[in-house]
Structures are given as C-alpha cells and as structure tokens.
C-alpha cells in the first residue's frame, strides 16, 4: 500500500514537474513583451525630425531683414526738399508792398492830380509839426502819414512832400509865419509824417489837405487828400473818393494814412 502511494506520489510529482516545465517553456515564447524594445524606433524619430526643422529657419531670417532695414532711408530724404517752396512763398508774401491798404501791383496807377488853388505860398520851411502854431491852438490833433511809390511799387527815398491847409479857424495864413505850411523829405522807405490838426471847413469846400509831391529829379504831383464820413464831401465839386485817407487811432490821436504814386525819373 505504501508502495502504491509512493508510486502515485512520484507520478504526481513527475506530472507536476512536467506541467511546470511546459508552462515555463511556453512563457518565454508567448510573452514577446521583449519585442517592444526592438520596435521602439523611438530613436528614429529624433533623427528624422531635427534635420528638417532646423534648416528652414536660417533661410527665412536673412532674406527678410536686410531689404527692409535699408529701404526707409531713401523715403526720408525726399521729404526735406518740400520745405523749400514753402520758404520761398513766405518770403515773397513778406516783401509785398501795400498801397493804401491793398497789395501794390505794378504798374500802379498814378495818384490823381488836383488843383493847387490860389493860396499856395512858395518856399515853405522844412518842418513837419504844425500843432504848435499859434493859429492852430484849440484844433483837433491829427497825424498825416504814408509812403511815396513809383509805378514799379518801389518806395522813393528823398521825395519832397509839401503840405498846407487851413488853421483851427478855417483860414489860410498868407504871411511869412507859414502857419500850417511846411515840407518833409521821405526816408529810405519812402515814408513821410506830419503832426498837425484837422483842417477846418470853410464855405464852398469840404475838409482837405493840399499837397505837392516831388521825387528826386522828377515831376511834381499837385493834389489834395480828403477824409471819410465828412458830410461836406457830397457837395464839394472838387472832391474825389480816390483821394480819401484811411483813418485810424494812435494813442487817442486821429491818424490819416495816404500813399502816393508818382512818376519816377
């Protein structure tokens, strides 16, 4: 009986061993988990990707930068010359001569001539302030000023401007005191200036100044200058609106401005 059991036990052991051996033999063949390391061509991926990714970068960088950096320089250069015409235009407008409040356009029209009248006294003194004359006391102070031009719109220096008019009572002085009479030579800009009074009106005439303008070595212009907004202008047969002075104020004093255009020699 014991022998039988031993036999049975031995058989069982032998069968168990064989089964274990079979199972151990089947495990290495069926478990190709060792194949993944062989399949792992993960090493191939890095070798294929880097070469293609790194090459395009250098080709695009050099082509984009150089042309763009150099092109703006020429565009700024042409903008600078554009200032030249503007400067020229400004200079031209700054030198434009004004004639009786308007731009002078050559050839300028000559100032209209008018009668000398019977009360001119030759050889008056050279002076330009009549306000201190005794007969002008109580008169309304007035400044008469302006310029003398040729028809080319250029000022005439050293032109003689003769002025005479009525005193504060509306009378002309025919004596040698030369009340409200005198002459003045224009400066380098053709400018003249008299400090006098508003000429009083007398019967038959409106308020006016008598003047003679003589350029150096030239022909004398004899004319008159009038004032705006004077009622007597409408009934004065000699009055000419072209000879109206432009009125303004300077420190409370009336200023009459009139420019003359004469024949230049």
C-alpha atoms as a PDB file:
ATOM      1  CA  UNK A   1       0.000   0.000   0.000  1.00  0.00           C
ATOM      2  CA  UNK A   2       2.801   2.299   0.831  1.00  0.00           C
ATOM      3  CA  UNK A   3       4.495   1.397  -2.330  1.00  0.00           C
ATOM      4  CA  UNK A   4       1.406   2.245  -4.214  1.00  0.00           C
ATOM      5  CA  UNK A   5       1.135   5.602  -2.554  1.00  0.00           C
ATOM      6  CA  UNK A   6       4.741   6.308  -3.257  1.00  0.00           C
ATOM      7  CA  UNK A   7       4.206   5.480  -6.841  1.00  0.00           C
ATOM      8  CA  UNK A   8       1.203   7.664  -7.002  1.00  0.00           C
ATOM      9  CA  UNK A   9       3.066  10.479  -5.305  1.00  0.00           C
ATOM     10  CA  UNK A  10       6.003  10.117  -7.592  1.00  0.00           C
ATOM     11  CA  UNK A  11       3.714  10.154 -10.595  1.00  0.00           C
ATOM     12  CA  UNK A  12       2.047  13.241  -9.330  1.00  0.00           C
ATOM     13  CA  UNK A  13       5.358  14.894  -8.740  1.00  0.00           C
ATOM     14  CA  UNK A  14       6.537  13.887 -12.128  1.00  0.00           C
ATOM     15  CA  UNK A  15       3.392  15.132 -13.805  1.00  0.00           C
ATOM     16  CA  UNK A  16       3.547  18.378 -11.824  1.00  0.00           C
ATOM     17  CA  UNK A  17       7.113  18.879 -12.845  1.00  0.00           C
ATOM     18  CA  UNK A  18       6.295  18.261 -16.421  1.00  0.00           C
ATOM     19  CA  UNK A  19       3.429  20.718 -16.270  1.00  0.00           C
ATOM     20  CA  UNK A  20       5.658  23.296 -14.660  1.00  0.00           C
ATOM     21  CA  UNK A  21       8.296  22.747 -17.256  1.00  0.00           C
ATOM     22  CA  UNK A  22       5.737  23.033 -20.001  1.00  0.00           C
ATOM     23  CA  UNK A  23       4.323  26.174 -18.569  1.00  0.00           C
ATOM     24  CA  UNK A  24       7.797  27.661 -18.139  1.00  0.00           C
ATOM     25  CA  UNK A  25       8.683  26.733 -21.676  1.00  0.00           C
ATOM     26  CA  UNK A  26       5.520  28.314 -23.053  1.00  0.00           C
ATOM     27  CA  UNK A  27       6.016  31.570 -21.181  1.00  0.00           C
ATOM     28  CA  UNK A  28       9.205  32.745 -22.920  1.00  0.00           C
ATOM     29  CA  UNK A  29       7.804  32.065 -26.402  1.00  0.00           C
ATOM     30  CA  UNK A  30       4.375  33.536 -25.887  1.00  0.00           C
ATOM     31  CA  UNK A  31       5.471  36.597 -23.999  1.00  0.00           C
ATOM     32  CA  UNK A  32       7.117  38.705 -26.662  1.00  0.00           C
ATOM     33  CA  UNK A  33       6.989  41.629 -24.309  1.00  0.00           C
ATOM     34  CA  UNK A  34      10.647  41.720 -25.067  1.00  0.00           C
ATOM     35  CA  UNK A  35       9.771  42.796 -28.644  1.00  0.00           C
ATOM     36  CA  UNK A  36       8.687  46.331 -27.746  1.00  0.00           C
ATOM     37  CA  UNK A  37      12.268  47.377 -27.110  1.00  0.00           C
ATOM     38  CA  UNK A  38      13.084  46.179 -30.628  1.00  0.00           C
ATOM     39  CA  UNK A  39      10.057  48.031 -32.119  1.00  0.00           C
ATOM     40  CA  UNK A  40      10.995  51.108 -30.129  1.00  0.00           C
ATOM     41  CA  UNK A  41      12.305  53.077 -33.117  1.00  0.00           C
ATOM     42  CA  UNK A  42      11.679  55.994 -30.917  1.00  0.00           C
ATOM     43  CA  UNK A  43      15.312  56.580 -31.672  1.00  0.00           C
ATOM     44  CA  UNK A  44      14.430  57.042 -35.375  1.00  0.00           C
ATOM     45  CA  UNK A  45      12.009  59.875 -34.681  1.00  0.00           C
ATOM     46  CA  UNK A  46      14.626  62.254 -33.353  1.00  0.00           C
ATOM     47  CA  UNK A  47      16.920  61.555 -36.299  1.00  0.00           C
ATOM     48  CA  UNK A  48      14.201  62.319 -38.868  1.00  0.00           C
ATOM     49  CA  UNK A  49      12.659  65.434 -37.274  1.00  0.00           C
ATOM     50  CA  UNK A  50      15.608  67.656 -36.255  1.00  0.00           C
ATOM     51  CA  UNK A  51      17.245  67.999 -39.684  1.00  0.00           C
ATOM     52  CA  UNK A  52      14.059  69.251 -41.370  1.00  0.00           C
ATOM     53  CA  UNK A  53      13.066  71.604 -38.548  1.00  0.00           C
ATOM     54  CA  UNK A  54      16.393  73.406 -38.187  1.00  0.00           C
ATOM     55  CA  UNK A  55      17.186  74.079 -41.875  1.00  0.00           C
ATOM     56  CA  UNK A  56      14.307  76.394 -42.941  1.00  0.00           C
ATOM     57  CA  UNK A  57      14.937  78.836 -40.068  1.00  0.00           C
ATOM     58  CA  UNK A  58      18.244  80.278 -41.434  1.00  0.00           C
ATOM     59  CA  UNK A  59      16.880  80.672 -44.964  1.00  0.00           C
ATOM     60  CA  UNK A  60      13.909  82.906 -43.965  1.00  0.00           C
ATOM     61  CA  UNK A  61      15.806  85.084 -41.480  1.00  0.00           C
ATOM     62  CA  UNK A  62      18.472  86.544 -43.818  1.00  0.00           C
ATOM     63  CA  UNK A  63      16.057  87.315 -46.669  1.00  0.00           C
ATOM     64  CA  UNK A  64      13.506  89.264 -44.595  1.00  0.00           C
ATOM     65  CA  UNK A  65      15.759  91.599 -42.591  1.00  0.00           C
ATOM     66  CA  UNK A  66      18.335  93.257 -44.937  1.00  0.00           C
ATOM     67  CA  UNK A  67      15.976  94.733 -47.599  1.00  0.00           C
ATOM     68  CA  UNK A  68      13.516  96.123 -45.054  1.00  0.00           C
ATOM     69  CA  UNK A  69      16.163  97.897 -42.977  1.00  0.00           C
ATOM     70  CA  UNK A  70      17.702  99.792 -45.904  1.00  0.00           C
ATOM     71  CA  UNK A  71      14.500 100.923 -47.698  1.00  0.00           C
ATOM     72  CA  UNK A  72      13.203 103.554 -45.160  1.00  0.00           C
ATOM     73  CA  UNK A  73      16.374 105.690 -45.517  1.00  0.00           C
ATOM     74  CA  UNK A  74      15.563 106.952 -49.053  1.00  0.00           C
ATOM     75  CA  UNK A  75      11.976 107.840 -48.113  1.00  0.00           C
ATOM     76  CA  UNK A  76      13.019 110.437 -45.503  1.00  0.00           C
ATOM     77  CA  UNK A  77      15.385 112.249 -47.917  1.00  0.00           C
ATOM     78  CA  UNK A  78      12.725 113.445 -50.430  1.00  0.00           C
ATOM     79  CA  UNK A  79      10.597 114.983 -47.678  1.00  0.00           C
ATOM     80  CA  UNK A  80      13.261 117.577 -46.735  1.00  0.00           C
ATOM     81  CA  UNK A  81      13.261 119.492 -50.058  1.00  0.00           C
ATOM     82  CA  UNK A  82       9.499 120.018 -49.740  1.00  0.00           C
ATOM     83  CA  UNK A  83      10.225 122.827 -47.252  1.00  0.00           C
ATOM     84  CA  UNK A  84      12.000 124.914 -49.894  1.00  0.00           C
ATOM     85  CA  UNK A  85       8.913 126.067 -51.869  1.00  0.00           C
ATOM     86  CA  UNK A  86       7.126 126.974 -48.648  1.00  0.00           C
ATOM     87  CA  UNK A  87      10.012 129.188 -47.548  1.00  0.00           C
ATOM     88  CA  UNK A  88      10.124 130.939 -50.922  1.00  0.00           C
ATOM     89  CA  UNK A  89       6.385 131.622 -50.848  1.00  0.00           C
ATOM     90  CA  UNK A  90       6.633 133.088 -47.346  1.00  0.00           C
ATOM     91  CA  UNK A  91       9.483 135.369 -48.361  1.00  0.00           C
ATOM     92  CA  UNK A  92       7.597 136.595 -51.434  1.00  0.00           C
ATOM     93  CA  UNK A  93       4.468 137.462 -49.449  1.00  0.00           C
ATOM     94  CA  UNK A  94       6.548 139.226 -46.772  1.00  0.00           C
ATOM     95  CA  UNK A  95       8.093 141.596 -49.345  1.00  0.00           C
ATOM     96  CA  UNK A  96       4.771 142.529 -50.993  1.00  0.00           C
ATOM     97  CA  UNK A  97       4.295 146.334 -50.852  1.00  0.00           C
ATOM     98  CA  UNK A  98       0.974 147.634 -49.601  1.00  0.00           C
ATOM     99  CA  UNK A  99      -0.513 150.687 -51.328  1.00  0.00           C
ATOM    100  CA  UNK A 100      -3.360 152.415 -49.465  1.00  0.00           C
ATOM    101  CA  UNK A 101      -4.246 149.189 -47.675  1.00  0.00           C
ATOM    102  CA  UNK A 102      -4.032 146.899 -50.729  1.00  0.00           C
ATOM    103  CA  UNK A 103      -1.176 144.930 -52.332  1.00  0.00           C
ATOM    104  CA  UNK A 104       0.623 147.110 -54.890  1.00  0.00           C
ATOM    105  CA  UNK A 105       0.548 145.604 -58.391  1.00  0.00           C
ATOM    106  CA  UNK A 106       2.908 147.098 -60.971  1.00  0.00           C
ATOM    107  CA  UNK A 107       2.370 149.189 -62.932  1.00  0.00           C
ATOM    108  CA  UNK A 108       0.478 151.022 -60.196  1.00  0.00           C
ATOM    109  CA  UNK A 109      -1.980 153.751 -61.168  1.00  0.00           C
ATOM    110  CA  UNK A 110      -0.724 157.281 -60.641  1.00  0.00           C
ATOM    111  CA  UNK A 111      -2.322 159.333 -57.869  1.00  0.00           C
ATOM    112  CA  UNK A 112      -4.922 161.685 -59.409  1.00  0.00           C
ATOM    113  CA  UNK A 113      -3.780 165.286 -59.708  1.00  0.00           C
ATOM    114  CA  UNK A 114      -5.925 168.165 -58.439  1.00  0.00           C
ATOM    115  CA  UNK A 115      -5.847 171.937 -58.454  1.00  0.00           C
ATOM    116  CA  UNK A 116      -3.244 173.783 -56.428  1.00  0.00           C
ATOM    117  CA  UNK A 117      -5.672 176.555 -55.558  1.00  0.00           C
ATOM    118  CA  UNK A 118      -4.861 180.285 -55.171  1.00  0.00           C
ATOM    119  CA  UNK A 119      -3.407 180.090 -51.670  1.00  0.00           C
ATOM    120  CA  UNK A 120      -0.117 178.236 -52.135  1.00  0.00           C
ATOM    121  CA  UNK A 121       2.948 180.049 -50.703  1.00  0.00           C
ATOM    122  CA  UNK A 122       6.284 179.047 -52.241  1.00  0.00           C
ATOM    123  CA  UNK A 123       9.424 178.171 -50.293  1.00  0.00           C
ATOM    124  CA  UNK A 124       7.887 176.978 -47.006  1.00  0.00           C
ATOM    125  CA  UNK A 125      10.262 175.892 -44.227  1.00  0.00           C
ATOM    126  CA  UNK A 126      11.316 172.287 -43.759  1.00  0.00           C
ATOM    127  CA  UNK A 127       9.231 171.184 -40.802  1.00  0.00           C
ATOM    128  CA  UNK A 128       6.598 168.587 -40.040  1.00  0.00           C
ATOM    129  CA  UNK A 129       4.960 169.693 -36.777  1.00  0.00           C
ATOM    130  CA  UNK A 130       2.228 172.324 -37.170  1.00  0.00           C
ATOM    131  CA  UNK A 131       0.456 171.680 -33.848  1.00  0.00           C
ATOM    132  CA  UNK A 132       2.478 174.343 -32.021  1.00  0.00           C
ATOM    133  CA  UNK A 133       1.418 177.103 -34.454  1.00  0.00           C
ATOM    134  CA  UNK A 134      -0.483 179.826 -32.617  1.00  0.00           C
ATOM    135  CA  UNK A 135      -3.397 179.795 -35.058  1.00  0.00           C
ATOM    136  CA  UNK A 136      -3.784 176.019 -34.580  1.00  0.00           C
ATOM    137  CA  UNK A 137      -4.402 176.176 -30.853  1.00  0.00           C
ATOM    138  CA  UNK A 138      -7.678 174.540 -29.971  1.00  0.00           C
ATOM    139  CA  UNK A 139      -7.639 172.481 -33.155  1.00  0.00           C
ATOM    140  CA  UNK A 140      -8.169 168.716 -33.186  1.00  0.00           C
ATOM    141  CA  UNK A 141      -4.767 166.959 -33.317  1.00  0.00           C
ATOM    142  CA  UNK A 142      -4.180 164.833 -36.390  1.00  0.00           C
ATOM    143  CA  UNK A 143      -1.255 162.860 -37.814  1.00  0.00           C
ATOM    144  CA  UNK A 144      -0.867 162.594 -41.593  1.00  0.00           C
ATOM    145  CA  UNK A 145       1.474 159.852 -42.769  1.00  0.00           C
ATOM    146  CA  UNK A 146       2.122 157.459 -45.652  1.00  0.00           C
ATOM    147  CA  UNK A 147       4.619 156.499 -48.349  1.00  0.00           C
ATOM    148  CA  UNK A 148       5.634 157.653 -51.821  1.00  0.00           C
ATOM    149  CA  UNK A 149       5.967 154.970 -54.531  1.00  0.00           C
ATOM    150  CA  UNK A 150       6.896 154.763 -58.168  1.00  0.00           C
ATOM    151  CA  UNK A 151       4.668 152.847 -60.570  1.00  0.00           C
ATOM    152  CA  UNK A 152       7.003 149.875 -60.055  1.00  0.00           C
ATOM    153  CA  UNK A 153       5.674 149.678 -56.457  1.00  0.00           C
ATOM    154  CA  UNK A 154       9.103 150.534 -55.051  1.00  0.00           C
ATOM    155  CA  UNK A 155       9.339 153.296 -52.420  1.00  0.00           C
ATOM    156  CA  UNK A 156      11.014 156.546 -53.391  1.00  0.00           C
ATOM    157  CA  UNK A 157      13.515 157.926 -50.898  1.00  0.00           C
ATOM    158  CA  UNK A 158      14.209 161.655 -50.518  1.00  0.00           C
ATOM    159  CA  UNK A 159      10.986 162.702 -52.249  1.00  0.00           C
ATOM    160  CA  UNK A 160       9.789 166.149 -51.142  1.00  0.00           C
ATOM    161  CA  UNK A 161       6.267 166.283 -49.666  1.00  0.00           C
ATOM    162  CA  UNK A 162       4.791 169.810 -49.332  1.00  0.00           C
ATOM    163  CA  UNK A 163       1.729 170.281 -47.100  1.00  0.00           C
ATOM    164  CA  UNK A 164      -0.521 173.281 -46.471  1.00  0.00           C
ATOM    165  CA  UNK A 165      -4.068 173.619 -45.113  1.00  0.00           C
ATOM    166  CA  UNK A 166      -6.456 175.822 -43.093  1.00  0.00           C
ATOM    167  CA  UNK A 167      -5.825 176.587 -39.427  1.00  0.00           C
ATOM    168  CA  UNK A 168      -8.142 175.958 -36.452  1.00  0.00           C
ATOM    169  CA  UNK A 169     -10.429 178.812 -37.636  1.00  0.00           C
ATOM    170  CA  UNK A 170     -10.688 177.625 -41.248  1.00  0.00           C
ATOM    171  CA  UNK A 171      -8.306 180.273 -42.598  1.00  0.00           C
ATOM    172  CA  UNK A 172      -5.110 180.132 -44.664  1.00  0.00           C
ATOM    173  CA  UNK A 173      -2.083 182.031 -43.441  1.00  0.00           C
ATOM    174  CA  UNK A 174      -0.647 184.097 -46.308  1.00  0.00           C
ATOM    175  CA  UNK A 175       2.031 185.760 -44.194  1.00  0.00           C
ATOM    176  CA  UNK A 176       5.590 184.664 -43.726  1.00  0.00           C
ATOM    177  CA  UNK A 177       4.730 182.888 -40.476  1.00  0.00           C
ATOM    178  CA  UNK A 178       3.877 179.829 -42.589  1.00  0.00           C
ATOM    179  CA  UNK A 179       1.175 178.589 -40.245  1.00  0.00           C
ATOM    180  CA  UNK A 180       0.120 175.058 -41.280  1.00  0.00           C
ATOM    181  CA  UNK A 181       2.767 175.041 -44.027  1.00  0.00           C
ATOM    182  CA  UNK A 182       5.956 173.052 -44.428  1.00  0.00           C
ATOM    183  CA  UNK A 183       7.645 170.193 -46.262  1.00  0.00           C
ATOM    184  CA  UNK A 184       9.295 166.895 -45.363  1.00  0.00           C
ATOM    185  CA  UNK A 185      11.678 164.583 -47.292  1.00  0.00           C
ATOM    186  CA  UNK A 186      10.818 160.886 -47.315  1.00  0.00           C
ATOM    187  CA  UNK A 187      13.166 158.393 -45.669  1.00  0.00           C
ATOM    188  CA  UNK A 188      14.738 155.263 -47.202  1.00  0.00           C
ATOM    189  CA  UNK A 189      11.310 153.532 -47.135  1.00  0.00           C
ATOM    190  CA  UNK A 190       9.620 156.420 -48.919  1.00  0.00           C
ATOM    191  CA  UNK A 191       7.785 157.315 -45.686  1.00  0.00           C
ATOM    192  CA  UNK A 192       6.628 160.774 -44.608  1.00  0.00           C
ATOM    193  CA  UNK A 193       4.841 162.058 -41.466  1.00  0.00           C
ATOM    194  CA  UNK A 194       3.260 165.354 -40.369  1.00  0.00           C
ATOM    195  CA  UNK A 195       1.861 166.226 -36.949  1.00  0.00           C
ATOM    196  CA  UNK A 196      -0.829 168.836 -37.419  1.00  0.00           C
ATOM    197  CA  UNK A 197      -4.562 169.444 -36.837  1.00  0.00           C
ATOM    198  CA  UNK A 198      -7.772 168.518 -38.635  1.00  0.00           C
ATOM    199  CA  UNK A 199      -8.272 171.231 -41.325  1.00  0.00           C
ATOM    200  CA  UNK A 200     -11.353 173.313 -40.595  1.00  0.00           C
ATOM    201  CA  UNK A 201     -14.003 173.645 -43.304  1.00  0.00           C
ATOM    202  CA  UNK A 202     -14.716 176.972 -44.985  1.00  0.00           C
ATOM    203  CA  UNK A 203     -17.674 177.862 -47.263  1.00  0.00           C
ATOM    204  CA  UNK A 204     -17.720 176.048 -50.600  1.00  0.00           C
ATOM    205  CA  UNK A 205     -15.205 173.332 -49.669  1.00  0.00           C
ATOM    206  CA  UNK A 206     -15.015 170.179 -47.572  1.00  0.00           C
ATOM    207  CA  UNK A 207     -12.146 169.351 -45.206  1.00  0.00           C
ATOM    208  CA  UNK A 208      -8.958 168.721 -47.198  1.00  0.00           C
ATOM    209  CA  UNK A 209      -5.172 168.896 -47.304  1.00  0.00           C
ATOM    210  CA  UNK A 210      -3.202 170.426 -50.182  1.00  0.00           C
ATOM    211  CA  UNK A 211      -0.009 168.568 -51.151  1.00  0.00           C
ATOM    212  CA  UNK A 212       2.823 168.661 -53.654  1.00  0.00           C
ATOM    213  CA  UNK A 213       4.949 165.504 -54.055  1.00  0.00           C
ATOM    214  CA  UNK A 214       8.242 165.798 -55.944  1.00  0.00           C
ATOM    215  CA  UNK A 215      10.534 162.757 -56.432  1.00  0.00           C
ATOM    216  CA  UNK A 216      14.280 163.437 -56.869  1.00  0.00           C
ATOM    217  CA  UNK A 217      14.823 164.958 -60.333  1.00  0.00           C
ATOM    218  CA  UNK A 218      11.184 164.119 -61.116  1.00  0.00           C
ATOM    219  CA  UNK A 219       7.907 165.838 -61.974  1.00  0.00           C
ATOM    220  CA  UNK A 220       5.839 167.367 -59.169  1.00  0.00           C
ATOM    221  CA  UNK A 221       2.411 165.917 -58.410  1.00  0.00           C
ATOM    222  CA  UNK A 222      -0.055 168.536 -57.081  1.00  0.00           C
ATOM    223  CA  UNK A 223      -3.124 167.038 -55.426  1.00  0.00           C
ATOM    224  CA  UNK A 224      -5.428 167.026 -52.358  1.00  0.00           C
ATOM    225  CA  UNK A 225      -6.346 164.472 -49.668  1.00  0.00           C
ATOM    226  CA  UNK A 226      -9.833 164.107 -48.141  1.00  0.00           C
ATOM    227  CA  UNK A 227     -11.425 162.465 -45.098  1.00  0.00           C
ATOM    228  CA  UNK A 228     -14.191 159.852 -44.951  1.00  0.00           C
ATOM    229  CA  UNK A 229     -17.570 160.456 -43.293  1.00  0.00           C
ATOM    230  CA  UNK A 230     -17.490 164.225 -43.795  1.00  0.00           C
ATOM    231  CA  UNK A 231     -20.935 165.488 -44.857  1.00  0.00           C
ATOM    232  CA  UNK A 232     -19.486 168.294 -46.965  1.00  0.00           C
ATOM    233  CA  UNK A 233     -17.819 165.741 -49.268  1.00  0.00           C
ATOM    234  CA  UNK A 234     -21.139 165.301 -51.075  1.00  0.00           C
ATOM    235  CA  UNK A 235     -21.428 168.970 -52.064  1.00  0.00           C
ATOM    236  CA  UNK A 236     -17.762 169.673 -52.892  1.00  0.00           C
ATOM    237  CA  UNK A 237     -17.295 169.833 -56.666  1.00  0.00           C
ATOM    238  CA  UNK A 238     -13.562 169.022 -56.439  1.00  0.00           C
ATOM    239  CA  UNK A 239     -13.867 166.063 -54.054  1.00  0.00           C
ATOM    240  CA  UNK A 240     -12.530 162.735 -55.402  1.00  0.00           C
ATOM    241  CA  UNK A 241     -13.165 159.497 -53.491  1.00  0.00           C
ATOM    242  CA  UNK A 242      -9.882 158.081 -54.853  1.00  0.00           C
ATOM    243  CA  UNK A 243      -8.099 160.578 -52.620  1.00  0.00           C
ATOM    244  CA  UNK A 244      -9.735 159.508 -49.343  1.00  0.00           C
ATOM    245  CA  UNK A 245      -7.339 158.875 -46.461  1.00  0.00           C
ATOM    246  CA  UNK A 246      -7.616 155.737 -44.325  1.00  0.00           C
ATOM    247  CA  UNK A 247      -8.371 156.710 -40.736  1.00  0.00           C
ATOM    248  CA  UNK A 248      -7.173 155.074 -37.520  1.00  0.00           C
ATOM    249  CA  UNK A 249      -6.168 155.967 -33.947  1.00  0.00           C
ATOM    250  CA  UNK A 250      -2.773 156.139 -32.257  1.00  0.00           C
ATOM    251  CA  UNK A 251      -2.794 156.822 -28.511  1.00  0.00           C
ATOM    252  CA  UNK A 252      -6.122 158.632 -28.822  1.00  0.00           C
ATOM    253  CA  UNK A 253      -4.955 160.809 -31.749  1.00  0.00           C
ATOM    254  CA  UNK A 254      -6.566 160.533 -35.187  1.00  0.00           C
ATOM    255  CA  UNK A 255      -4.248 159.230 -37.910  1.00  0.00           C
ATOM    256  CA  UNK A 256      -4.848 159.822 -41.642  1.00  0.00           C
ATOM    257  CA  UNK A 257      -2.870 157.484 -43.886  1.00  0.00           C
ATOM    258  CA  UNK A 258      -2.379 158.096 -47.599  1.00  0.00           C
ATOM    259  CA  UNK A 259       0.169 156.710 -50.095  1.00  0.00           C
ATOM    260  CA  UNK A 260       1.151 158.495 -53.322  1.00  0.00           C
ATOM    261  CA  UNK A 261       2.227 157.017 -56.662  1.00  0.00           C
ATOM    262  CA  UNK A 262       4.289 159.389 -58.816  1.00  0.00           C
ATOM    263  CA  UNK A 263       6.383 159.195 -61.974  1.00  0.00           C
ATOM    264  CA  UNK A 264       9.900 158.044 -61.122  1.00  0.00           C
ATOM    265  CA  UNK A 265      12.794 159.523 -63.098  1.00  0.00           C
END
